[in-house]
């Protein structure tokens, strides 16, 4: 997760902060599932889409208990 103090100090836009947050989450997903991590895959590949689907499912379950 991008440090909010860092973001404020350097004027990081929310869009840029989201990209770094997504990269970090994707790296953790790849590490946990022993998958090859390549930052160029962000938003483009089937592997990214599987990660996003899993993340959205987990967030939905967390909201609905």
N, C-alpha and C. Protein backbone atom coordinates (compact mmCIF):
# COMPACT_ATOMS: atom_id res chain seq x y z
N UNK A 1 0.85 -1.17 0.00
CA UNK A 1 0.00 0.00 0.00
C UNK A 1 0.90 1.24 0.00
N UNK A 2 0.63 2.16 -0.88
CA UNK A 2 1.42 3.37 -0.96
C UNK A 2 1.24 4.19 0.32
N UNK A 3 2.34 4.64 0.87
CA UNK A 3 2.32 5.41 2.11
C UNK A 3 1.65 6.76 1.85
N UNK A 4 0.60 7.06 2.59
CA UNK A 4 -0.17 8.29 2.37
C UNK A 4 0.67 9.53 2.65
N UNK A 5 1.55 9.47 3.64
CA UNK A 5 2.42 10.61 3.94
C UNK A 5 3.36 10.86 2.76
N UNK A 6 3.93 9.77 2.22
CA UNK A 6 4.80 9.87 1.05
C UNK A 6 4.03 10.47 -0.12
N UNK A 7 2.82 9.98 -0.33
CA UNK A 7 2.00 10.45 -1.44
C UNK A 7 1.70 11.94 -1.31
N UNK A 8 1.36 12.35 -0.09
CA UNK A 8 1.07 13.77 0.13
C UNK A 8 2.31 14.62 -0.10
N UNK A 9 3.44 14.16 0.41
CA UNK A 9 4.67 14.94 0.31
C UNK A 9 5.10 15.10 -1.15
N UNK A 10 5.00 14.04 -1.91
CA UNK A 10 5.44 14.09 -3.30
C UNK A 10 4.32 14.38 -4.27
N UNK A 11 3.14 14.64 -3.77
CA UNK A 11 2.02 15.00 -4.62
C UNK A 11 1.56 13.87 -5.52
N UNK A 12 1.64 12.63 -5.01
CA UNK A 12 1.24 11.49 -5.82
C UNK A 12 -0.27 11.50 -6.00
N UNK A 13 -0.71 11.43 -7.22
CA UNK A 13 -2.14 11.41 -7.52
C UNK A 13 -2.74 10.08 -7.10
N UNK A 14 -4.03 10.10 -6.87
CA UNK A 14 -4.70 8.88 -6.43
C UNK A 14 -4.59 7.77 -7.47
N UNK A 15 -4.56 8.12 -8.76
CA UNK A 15 -4.43 7.10 -9.81
C UNK A 15 -3.09 6.39 -9.73
N UNK A 16 -2.04 7.15 -9.47
CA UNK A 16 -0.70 6.57 -9.35
C UNK A 16 -0.62 5.72 -8.09
N UNK A 17 -1.20 6.21 -7.03
CA UNK A 17 -1.22 5.46 -5.78
C UNK A 17 -1.95 4.13 -5.97
N UNK A 18 -3.05 4.13 -6.72
CA UNK A 18 -3.81 2.90 -6.99
C UNK A 18 -2.95 1.90 -7.76
N UNK A 19 -2.19 2.37 -8.72
CA UNK A 19 -1.32 1.48 -9.50
C UNK A 19 -0.31 0.80 -8.59
N UNK A 20 0.33 1.56 -7.70
CA UNK A 20 1.30 0.96 -6.79
C UNK A 20 0.64 0.00 -5.81
N UNK A 21 -0.55 0.33 -5.35
CA UNK A 21 -1.30 -0.59 -4.47
C UNK A 21 -1.63 -1.88 -5.20
N UNK A 22 -2.09 -1.76 -6.45
CA UNK A 22 -2.41 -2.94 -7.25
C UNK A 22 -1.17 -3.79 -7.50
N UNK A 23 -0.05 -3.14 -7.79
CA UNK A 23 1.20 -3.87 -8.01
C UNK A 23 1.59 -4.67 -6.77
N UNK A 24 1.50 -4.03 -5.62
CA UNK A 24 1.87 -4.69 -4.38
C UNK A 24 0.93 -5.87 -4.09
N UNK A 25 -0.36 -5.68 -4.28
CA UNK A 25 -1.33 -6.76 -4.06
C UNK A 25 -1.09 -7.91 -5.03
N UNK A 26 -0.80 -7.58 -6.29
CA UNK A 26 -0.55 -8.59 -7.31
C UNK A 26 0.73 -9.37 -7.00
N UNK A 27 1.76 -8.67 -6.54
CA UNK A 27 3.01 -9.34 -6.15
C UNK A 27 2.74 -10.33 -5.03
N UNK A 28 1.98 -9.92 -4.04
CA UNK A 28 1.66 -10.83 -2.93
C UNK A 28 0.86 -12.03 -3.41
N UNK A 29 -0.08 -11.82 -4.32
CA UNK A 29 -0.88 -12.91 -4.89
C UNK A 29 0.04 -13.90 -5.61
N UNK A 30 0.93 -13.38 -6.44
CA UNK A 30 1.84 -14.26 -7.18
C UNK A 30 2.74 -15.02 -6.22
N UNK A 31 3.24 -14.36 -5.22
CA UNK A 31 4.11 -15.00 -4.24
C UNK A 31 3.36 -16.09 -3.48
N UNK A 32 2.15 -15.79 -3.04
CA UNK A 32 1.35 -16.76 -2.28
C UNK A 32 0.96 -17.98 -3.11
N UNK A 33 0.78 -17.78 -4.42
CA UNK A 33 0.35 -18.87 -5.30
C UNK A 33 1.48 -19.43 -6.16
N UNK A 34 2.69 -19.02 -5.85
CA UNK A 34 3.89 -19.49 -6.56
C UNK A 34 3.77 -19.30 -8.07
N UNK A 35 3.36 -18.10 -8.47
CA UNK A 35 3.22 -17.75 -9.87
C UNK A 35 4.33 -16.78 -10.27
N UNK A 36 4.63 -16.76 -11.55
CA UNK A 36 5.64 -15.83 -12.06
C UNK A 36 5.07 -14.41 -11.95
N UNK A 37 5.86 -13.50 -11.38
CA UNK A 37 5.44 -12.10 -11.27
C UNK A 37 6.16 -11.28 -12.32
N UNK A 38 5.39 -10.54 -13.07
CA UNK A 38 5.95 -9.59 -14.03
C UNK A 38 5.06 -8.36 -14.00
N UNK A 39 5.62 -7.24 -13.62
CA UNK A 39 4.80 -6.03 -13.47
C UNK A 39 4.16 -5.61 -14.79
N UNK A 40 4.69 -6.08 -15.91
CA UNK A 40 4.07 -5.75 -17.20
C UNK A 40 2.72 -6.44 -17.38
N UNK A 41 2.44 -7.47 -16.57
CA UNK A 41 1.16 -8.17 -16.64
C UNK A 41 0.01 -7.39 -16.05
N UNK A 42 0.33 -6.36 -15.29
CA UNK A 42 -0.70 -5.60 -14.59
C UNK A 42 -1.76 -5.09 -15.56
N UNK A 43 -3.01 -5.44 -15.28
CA UNK A 43 -4.19 -5.04 -16.04
C UNK A 43 -4.33 -5.70 -17.42
N UNK A 44 -3.42 -6.62 -17.81
CA UNK A 44 -3.43 -7.11 -19.19
C UNK A 44 -3.68 -8.60 -19.36
N UNK A 45 -3.18 -9.42 -18.48
CA UNK A 45 -3.13 -10.86 -18.75
C UNK A 45 -4.26 -11.63 -18.06
N UNK A 46 -4.39 -12.88 -18.46
CA UNK A 46 -5.37 -13.76 -17.82
C UNK A 46 -5.04 -13.96 -16.35
N UNK A 47 -3.75 -14.03 -16.06
CA UNK A 47 -3.32 -14.20 -14.67
C UNK A 47 -3.79 -13.02 -13.82
N UNK A 48 -3.68 -11.80 -14.36
CA UNK A 48 -4.16 -10.61 -13.65
C UNK A 48 -5.67 -10.68 -13.45
N UNK A 49 -6.39 -11.12 -14.48
CA UNK A 49 -7.85 -11.20 -14.38
C UNK A 49 -8.28 -12.22 -13.32
N UNK A 50 -7.56 -13.34 -13.23
CA UNK A 50 -7.86 -14.33 -12.19
C UNK A 50 -7.62 -13.72 -10.81
N UNK A 51 -6.52 -13.01 -10.67
CA UNK A 51 -6.22 -12.33 -9.40
C UNK A 51 -7.33 -11.35 -9.05
N UNK A 52 -7.75 -10.55 -10.00
CA UNK A 52 -8.77 -9.54 -9.76
C UNK A 52 -10.10 -10.18 -9.37
N UNK A 53 -10.45 -11.28 -10.03
CA UNK A 53 -11.69 -11.99 -9.71
C UNK A 53 -11.64 -12.52 -8.28
N UNK A 54 -10.50 -13.11 -7.91
CA UNK A 54 -10.34 -13.62 -6.54
C UNK A 54 -10.41 -12.50 -5.51
N UNK A 55 -9.74 -11.40 -5.81
CA UNK A 55 -9.73 -10.26 -4.89
C UNK A 55 -11.13 -9.69 -4.71
N UNK A 56 -11.86 -9.54 -5.81
CA UNK A 56 -13.23 -9.01 -5.72
C UNK A 56 -14.14 -9.95 -4.95
N UNK A 57 -13.96 -11.26 -5.15
CA UNK A 57 -14.77 -12.24 -4.42
C UNK A 57 -14.47 -12.15 -2.92
N UNK A 58 -13.21 -12.03 -2.56
CA UNK A 58 -12.82 -11.92 -1.15
C UNK A 58 -13.38 -10.64 -0.53
N UNK A 59 -13.33 -9.54 -1.27
CA UNK A 59 -13.86 -8.28 -0.75
C UNK A 59 -15.37 -8.36 -0.55
N UNK A 60 -16.05 -9.01 -1.50
CA UNK A 60 -17.51 -9.15 -1.39
C UNK A 60 -17.88 -10.01 -0.18
N UNK A 61 -17.14 -11.11 0.03
CA UNK A 61 -17.40 -11.97 1.18
C UNK A 61 -17.13 -11.24 2.49
N UNK A 62 -16.11 -10.41 2.51
CA UNK A 62 -15.78 -9.66 3.72
C UNK A 62 -16.88 -8.65 4.05
N UNK A 63 -17.46 -8.06 3.03
CA UNK A 63 -18.52 -7.08 3.25
C UNK A 63 -19.82 -7.73 3.72
N UNK A 64 -20.10 -8.91 3.20
CA UNK A 64 -21.37 -9.57 3.50
C UNK A 64 -21.26 -10.62 4.59
N UNK A 65 -20.07 -10.80 5.10
CA UNK A 65 -19.86 -11.70 6.23
C UNK A 65 -19.98 -13.10 5.94
